[in-house]
Amino acid sequence: MRRFLPDSIVDWLVVIVVTGICASQLATTLFHNIARNQAIIALEDVRAAERIASIVSFLEETAPILRPGVAGAISRSSLYVAASERSAVSDGDPVDGRCARLRDVVKARLLDIHWRQVRVNYAPQPATSGSWLARIWPEIWGSEQERTAQILSRQSSERRFRVAVQLMDGGWLNFDVASVSSLPIASWDLIVSIILTVAVAIALSLFPVYRLTRPLARFTQAAEALGRGNLDEPVPETGSMEVRRAAHAFNDMQARIRRLVDGRTQMIAAISHDLRTPITRLRLRAEFVEDPEAQRRMLADLDEMETMIKSTLAFAREDSDREPAVVLDLVALLRDVVEDIPGTALAPDLPPECTISGRPLALRRCFRNVIENAIKYGKAARIDLREEEKAVLVTVDDDGPGIPEDQRERVFRPFYRLEASRNRDSGGTGLGLAIVQSIVLSHGGEVALDNRPEGGLRVTIRLPR
């Protein structure tokens, strides 16, 4: 069922508006027709009673021998009249309020209600064809002649009144009167008006719905940009009160994050600057050490310290880098990266070009780190690129020992190394994959590590197109 439900706020609002209007229109139409039907039925009963009273007054002044012929002459399908010596309706109280109302109106119109007997009941119900809905819903698509014929057929099939009125000479007039028990609940005009009302309501509601949801779309775009590391695009504080408050809170959070990132970068830059001076002094002093082995170790330690400082600066700089995104050819970028790294191999079936939006320098640093890790720990790097509908997959395979499954998330942490040794030639600084993940996430992508069944590690980088 969920795939048939609306998926956006705009769709839900349109569904709510349309459902509310349709429900209110149907409810209003139903209640209006019920009240209208009751009023029309009461009016038709009064009219039928007045016709009966008029015919009784006329035939009562007619000679008894002529009454049957006159009654037959004025009889119609909606009202049959027959003169008789006895009543066609048994004596007793009316079976319901309609019969009682018809009896009382007939007596009131005849003015002599005290002595005259008026009996009212329902005639036996004839067999009807068709469903209840077909009897109360008229044919609105046919011609006027067809609708007229249908009304006449309904008149003959509706429940009818049986009325018996006593005359002054003791005779009786028996009436068979058509009653109105149900009226059409819909017509072509009503259906057209409902359709037009719904259409106008949808048209009028689209603008406020768009105005209400447009700030949410901008809010979503700003949140996605923040997830990619863009901290310089505030959300416009427009729209409804709730959206304005959320946008204001989002902008405050973005400003705090930017201040934290800038503060961390400045702190690392200051520390690295302060450390370079004593490192330089130590390097000068190491030159005067007479023991060659001790001098070599001291210089190696100083080189490792400088390497760690440079890697830390690169990692911090990546978080605060303001390099603009441009449209670039990812295949050409990969070819440029592998030219300077021996031991790499590009897949022979790479597409001629693959354009994405990204930061060239950051992506070069990202792929260089991955390829250099593959060469360093896996002795080889095989690079492949596959295009999907909304993303590009770049895989780098090596022939190394792989990474244990419980360590694959940890290797993305800054300064985390699988090797226990602090030797930079064997374990590095532990920032290479952290920089890779930071760059990929800032582009809205994903990076994953998997051990290949035939051996070696596979690094998969997914970048959006």
Foldseek 3Di string as FASTA:
>chain_A
DVVVDDDDPLSVVLVVLLVVLVVVLVVVLVVVQVVVLVVVQLVVLLVVLLVVLVVQVVLLPPDPVCSQVVQCVPDDLQKHKGWFLDAPADDDDEPDDSQVSSQVSNLVSNVPNPPKDKGKYWDDQDDDDDDPLPLQAFDQPDDPVVRVVSVVVSQNRAIWMWMWIAHPVNIIMIMTHGGDDHHHSDHPVSVVVSVVVSVVSSVVVSVVSCLQCVLVVQVVVVVLLVQLLDLPDQRPQDHDPVSNVVSVVVNVVSVVVLVVLVVVLVVLVVVLVVVVVVLVVQLVVLVPDPDPVVSVVSVQVSVQVNQLSVLVNLLSCLSVPPQAKDKDWVVVLVVVLCVVPPQEEEDPPADPTDIDIARSVLVSLLVNLVQVVQCLAQVHWYWYWDDDPWKIKIKIWGAHQFDDPVCFVVLLDFQDWPDPDPRCSNTNRSHSNVSNQSRLSSQVKDWGWDADPVHTIMIMIMGTD
